[in-house]
């Protein structure tokens, strides 16, 4: 699974856990609902500023979101040529 797909699924899980629709998240973050959908489906990679907007809207710290990502994709460093 690609990084974008993992991130998108993770974002969708966090959004649903907070009972927030894509429409509401988009409105809170100042984004288009279709863009949220594209991120969740792994078809778009959000910029860092977009991630910050989404985190603020979900009331989650960016560090927490990235920590969740690391747990879901523990091999991300190996694929990118980083050291473990």
Protein backbone atom coordinates (compact mmCIF):
# COMPACT_ATOMS: atom_id res chain seq x y z
CA UNK A 1 0.00 0.00 0.00
CA UNK A 2 1.28 3.47 -0.90
CA UNK A 3 1.93 6.16 1.69
CA UNK A 4 -0.94 8.26 0.36
CA UNK A 5 -3.37 5.38 0.77
CA UNK A 6 -2.21 4.67 4.33
CA UNK A 7 -2.48 8.34 5.25
CA UNK A 8 -5.91 8.61 3.65
CA UNK A 9 -7.31 5.58 5.46
CA UNK A 10 -5.85 6.83 8.72
CA UNK A 11 -7.40 10.25 8.19
CA UNK A 12 -10.75 8.67 7.40
CA UNK A 13 -10.59 6.56 10.57
CA UNK A 14 -9.81 9.62 12.70
CA UNK A 15 -12.60 11.62 11.08
CA UNK A 16 -15.16 8.85 11.54
CA UNK A 17 -14.07 8.24 15.14
CA UNK A 18 -15.03 11.85 15.84
CA UNK A 19 -18.34 11.49 13.96
CA UNK A 20 -17.44 14.22 11.51
CA UNK A 21 -18.60 14.05 7.90
CA UNK A 22 -16.31 14.90 5.01
CA UNK A 23 -18.49 17.94 4.40
CA UNK A 24 -18.13 19.20 7.96
CA UNK A 25 -14.37 18.54 8.04
CA UNK A 26 -13.97 20.40 4.77
CA UNK A 27 -15.93 23.36 6.10
CA UNK A 28 -13.99 23.45 9.37
CA UNK A 29 -10.66 23.24 7.53
CA UNK A 30 -11.60 25.68 4.78
CA UNK A 31 -11.21 23.01 2.10
CA UNK A 32 -13.41 21.46 -0.55
CA UNK A 33 -15.22 18.24 0.34
CA UNK A 34 -14.00 16.59 -2.83
CA UNK A 35 -10.42 17.34 -1.81
CA UNK A 36 -10.99 15.59 1.54
CA UNK A 37 -12.39 12.63 -0.39
CA UNK A 38 -9.37 12.54 -2.71
CA UNK A 39 -6.99 12.59 0.29
CA UNK A 40 -8.91 9.81 2.03
CA UNK A 41 -8.83 7.71 -1.14
CA UNK A 42 -5.07 8.15 -1.50
CA UNK A 43 -5.39 10.13 -4.72
CA UNK A 44 -3.99 13.40 -3.39
CA UNK A 45 -1.15 14.23 -1.03
CA UNK A 46 -1.96 17.14 1.26
CA UNK A 47 0.59 19.88 1.86
CA UNK A 48 1.89 20.43 5.37
CA UNK A 49 -0.33 23.50 5.79
CA UNK A 50 -3.34 21.42 4.74
CA UNK A 51 -2.41 18.74 7.27
CA UNK A 52 -2.24 21.44 9.95
CA UNK A 53 -5.72 22.69 8.99
CA UNK A 54 -7.12 19.17 9.09
CA UNK A 55 -5.48 18.43 12.44
CA UNK A 56 -6.87 21.62 13.92
CA UNK A 57 -10.33 20.76 12.61
CA UNK A 58 -10.13 17.24 14.07
CA UNK A 59 -8.68 18.58 17.33
CA UNK A 60 -5.63 16.34 17.02
CA UNK A 61 -1.98 17.34 17.31
CA UNK A 62 0.01 16.91 14.10
CA UNK A 63 2.56 14.89 16.07
CA UNK A 64 -0.21 12.51 17.13
CA UNK A 65 -1.36 12.10 13.54
CA UNK A 66 2.18 11.33 12.38
CA UNK A 67 2.65 8.95 15.29
CA UNK A 68 -0.44 7.04 14.15
CA UNK A 69 1.02 6.97 10.64
CA UNK A 70 4.31 5.53 11.90
CA UNK A 71 2.43 2.72 13.65
CA UNK A 72 0.41 1.92 10.52
CA UNK A 73 3.45 2.05 8.24
CA UNK A 74 6.49 0.98 10.30
CA UNK A 75 8.54 0.32 7.16
CA UNK A 76 8.29 3.87 5.80
CA UNK A 77 11.96 4.58 6.50
CA UNK A 78 13.17 1.43 4.76
CA UNK A 79 11.21 2.16 1.57
CA UNK A 80 12.55 5.68 1.40
CA UNK A 81 16.15 4.60 1.94
CA UNK A 82 16.36 5.91 5.49
CA UNK A 83 18.09 4.16 8.34
CA UNK A 84 16.36 2.19 11.04
